Amino acid sequence: MEKIRPTGITADRTQRILTITWSDGQAGHYPFAGLRAICPCVTCKGGHDNMGGPPDVDVLYVTKNEGVTIESIHTVGSYALQIVWSDGHDTGIYTWDYLRQARA
């Protein structure tokens, strides 16, 4: 079975939404502030013991979409995105699987 991968990534800074289209034709729309709130890095997760697991979809879509914005986005190999946020945070690695699980 082939893994589902992104076919397009767009950051709309006006609407503050990151849109990812996936190879199966589905799309995910991720509010900037929500993505920042569910950052998967060790610091944001509160230590190595809390790493892994699915994203908190409720936090992603309930967080008020204001304040933080995306400064830049970089691919990490062929498996993830690293987002540089306007608050200076840049250590979260958002894997394709993590982002796919978070889509509503």
C-alpha atoms as a PDB file:
ATOM      1  CA  MET A   1       0.000   0.000   0.000  1.00  0.00           C
ATOM      2  CA  GLU A   2       1.415   3.350  -1.048  1.00  0.00           C
ATOM      3  CA  LYS A   3       1.774   6.018   1.622  1.00  0.00           C
ATOM      4  CA  ILE A   4      -0.321   9.135   1.235  1.00  0.00           C
ATOM      5  CA  ARG A   5       1.917  12.120   0.555  1.00  0.00           C
ATOM      6  CA  PRO A   6       1.338  15.839  -0.040  1.00  0.00           C
ATOM      7  CA  THR A   7       0.921  16.980  -3.626  1.00  0.00           C
ATOM      8  CA  GLY A   8       0.634  20.669  -2.774  1.00  0.00           C
ATOM      9  CA  ILE A   9       1.259  22.976   0.188  1.00  0.00           C
ATOM     10  CA  THR A  10       0.006  26.562   0.392  1.00  0.00           C
ATOM     11  CA  ALA A  11       0.313  29.039   3.264  1.00  0.00           C
ATOM     12  CA  ASP A  12      -2.360  31.734   3.028  1.00  0.00           C
ATOM     13  CA  ARG A  13      -1.062  34.517   5.270  1.00  0.00           C
ATOM     14  CA  THR A  14      -4.268  36.549   4.915  1.00  0.00           C
ATOM     15  CA  GLN A  15      -6.595  33.745   6.033  1.00  0.00           C
ATOM     16  CA  ARG A  16      -3.847  32.284   8.288  1.00  0.00           C
ATOM     17  CA  ILE A  17      -4.441  28.769   6.935  1.00  0.00           C
ATOM     18  CA  LEU A  18      -1.944  26.156   5.766  1.00  0.00           C
ATOM     19  CA  THR A  19      -3.565  23.976   3.103  1.00  0.00           C
ATOM     20  CA  ILE A  20      -2.139  20.610   2.158  1.00  0.00           C
ATOM     21  CA  THR A  21      -3.543  18.608  -0.718  1.00  0.00           C
ATOM     22  CA  TRP A  22      -2.847  14.897  -0.439  1.00  0.00           C
ATOM     23  CA  SER A  23      -2.136  12.242  -3.058  1.00  0.00           C
ATOM     24  CA  ASP A  24      -5.545  10.626  -2.424  1.00  0.00           C
ATOM     25  CA  GLY A  25      -7.330  13.843  -3.441  1.00  0.00           C
ATOM     26  CA  GLN A  26      -8.185  14.921   0.119  1.00  0.00           C
ATOM     27  CA  ALA A  27      -7.174  18.318   1.525  1.00  0.00           C
ATOM     28  CA  GLY A  28      -6.355  19.505   5.010  1.00  0.00           C
ATOM     29  CA  HIS A  29      -6.817  23.087   6.164  1.00  0.00           C
ATOM     30  CA  TYR A  30      -4.728  23.905   9.225  1.00  0.00           C
ATOM     31  CA  PRO A  31      -5.073  27.208  11.137  1.00  0.00           C
ATOM     32  CA  PHE A  32      -1.641  28.717  11.838  1.00  0.00           C
ATOM     33  CA  ALA A  33      -2.249  29.270  15.560  1.00  0.00           C
ATOM     34  CA  GLY A  34      -3.619  25.759  15.944  1.00  0.00           C
ATOM     35  CA  LEU A  35      -0.562  24.245  14.268  1.00  0.00           C
ATOM     36  CA  ARG A  36       1.690  26.242  16.569  1.00  0.00           C
ATOM     37  CA  ALA A  37      -0.366  25.054  19.566  1.00  0.00           C
ATOM     38  CA  ILE A  38       0.092  21.380  18.643  1.00  0.00           C
ATOM     39  CA  CYS A  39       3.807  21.677  17.889  1.00  0.00           C
ATOM     40  CA  PRO A  40       5.264  18.161  18.225  1.00  0.00           C
ATOM     41  CA  CYS A  41       8.712  19.185  19.523  1.00  0.00           C
ATOM     42  CA  VAL A  42      10.050  17.939  22.853  1.00  0.00           C
ATOM     43  CA  THR A  43       9.857  21.388  24.453  1.00  0.00           C
ATOM     44  CA  CYS A  44       6.215  21.933  23.515  1.00  0.00           C
ATOM     45  CA  LYS A  45       5.267  18.359  24.440  1.00  0.00           C
ATOM     46  CA  GLY A  46       6.826  18.754  27.883  1.00  0.00           C
ATOM     47  CA  GLY A  47       9.657  16.254  27.641  1.00  0.00           C
ATOM     48  CA  HIS A  48      10.656  13.043  25.903  1.00  0.00           C
ATOM     49  CA  ASP A  49       8.146  10.951  27.882  1.00  0.00           C
ATOM     50  CA  ASN A  50       5.307  12.801  26.131  1.00  0.00           C
ATOM     51  CA  MET A  51       6.622  12.434  22.584  1.00  0.00           C
ATOM     52  CA  GLY A  52       4.733  10.598  19.865  1.00  0.00           C
ATOM     53  CA  GLY A  53       1.043  10.023  19.673  1.00  0.00           C
ATOM     54  CA  PRO A  54      -1.544  11.686  17.522  1.00  0.00           C
ATOM     55  CA  PRO A  55      -2.089  15.454  17.326  1.00  0.00           C
ATOM     56  CA  ASP A  56      -4.725  17.015  19.552  1.00  0.00           C
ATOM     57  CA  VAL A  57      -7.268  17.878  16.855  1.00  0.00           C
ATOM     58  CA  ASP A  58      -9.476  19.753  19.328  1.00  0.00           C
ATOM     59  CA  VAL A  59      -6.611  22.115  20.212  1.00  0.00           C
ATOM     60  CA  LEU A  60      -5.740  22.542  16.524  1.00  0.00           C
ATOM     61  CA  TYR A  61      -9.196  23.752  15.535  1.00  0.00           C
ATOM     62  CA  VAL A  62     -10.334  25.478  18.748  1.00  0.00           C
ATOM     63  CA  THR A  63      -7.251  27.678  19.256  1.00  0.00           C
ATOM     64  CA  LYS A  64      -8.092  31.257  18.289  1.00  0.00           C
ATOM     65  CA  ASN A  65      -6.337  31.816  14.960  1.00  0.00           C
ATOM     66  CA  GLU A  66      -4.450  35.013  15.734  1.00  0.00           C
ATOM     67  CA  GLY A  67      -1.081  36.155  17.005  1.00  0.00           C
ATOM     68  CA  VAL A  68       1.494  33.836  15.523  1.00  0.00           C
ATOM     69  CA  THR A  69       2.184  33.549  11.810  1.00  0.00           C
ATOM     70  CA  ILE A  70       4.436  31.464   9.595  1.00  0.00           C
ATOM     71  CA  GLU A  71       7.722  33.114   8.644  1.00  0.00           C
ATOM     72  CA  SER A  72       8.937  30.230   6.475  1.00  0.00           C
ATOM     73  CA  ILE A  73       8.417  26.539   5.821  1.00  0.00           C
ATOM     74  CA  HIS A  74      11.073  23.961   4.946  1.00  0.00           C
ATOM     75  CA  THR A  75      10.767  20.328   3.967  1.00  0.00           C
ATOM     76  CA  VAL A  76      12.658  17.848   6.109  1.00  0.00           C
ATOM     77  CA  GLY A  77      13.810  15.038   3.864  1.00  0.00           C
ATOM     78  CA  SER A  78      10.796  13.452   2.221  1.00  0.00           C
ATOM     79  CA  TYR A  79       8.792  13.001   5.408  1.00  0.00           C
ATOM     80  CA  ALA A  80       8.001  16.303   7.137  1.00  0.00           C
ATOM     81  CA  LEU A  81       7.781  20.083   7.355  1.00  0.00           C
ATOM     82  CA  GLN A  82       9.675  22.371   9.681  1.00  0.00           C
ATOM     83  CA  ILE A  83       7.885  25.656  10.291  1.00  0.00           C
ATOM     84  CA  VAL A  84       9.602  28.837  11.430  1.00  0.00           C
ATOM     85  CA  TRP A  85       7.052  30.774  13.477  1.00  0.00           C
ATOM     86  CA  SER A  86       6.911  34.524  14.038  1.00  0.00           C
ATOM     87  CA  ASP A  87       7.494  33.948  17.768  1.00  0.00           C
ATOM     88  CA  GLY A  88      10.939  32.534  16.903  1.00  0.00           C
ATOM     89  CA  HIS A  89      10.047  28.891  17.508  1.00  0.00           C
ATOM     90  CA  ASP A  90      11.409  26.540  14.847  1.00  0.00           C
ATOM     91  CA  THR A  91      12.151  23.137  16.364  1.00  0.00           C
ATOM     92  CA  GLY A  92       8.908  21.320  15.577  1.00  0.00           C
ATOM     93  CA  ILE A  93       9.056  18.670  12.871  1.00  0.00           C
ATOM     94  CA  TYR A  94       5.549  18.070  11.526  1.00  0.00           C
ATOM     95  CA  THR A  95       5.623  14.682   9.793  1.00  0.00           C
ATOM     96  CA  TRP A  96       3.254  13.911   6.941  1.00  0.00           C
ATOM     97  CA  ASP A  97       1.576  11.270   9.121  1.00  0.00           C
ATOM     98  CA  TYR A  98       1.107  13.772  11.973  1.00  0.00           C
ATOM     99  CA  LEU A  99      -0.389  16.385   9.637  1.00  0.00           C
ATOM    100  CA  ARG A 100      -2.597  13.844   7.912  1.00  0.00           C
ATOM    101  CA  GLN A 101      -3.992  12.690  11.273  1.00  0.00           C
ATOM    102  CA  ALA A 102      -4.760  16.311  12.181  1.00  0.00           C
ATOM    103  CA  ARG A 103      -6.836  17.129   9.129  1.00  0.00           C
ATOM    104  CA  ALA A 104     -10.528  17.736   9.704  1.00  0.00           C
END
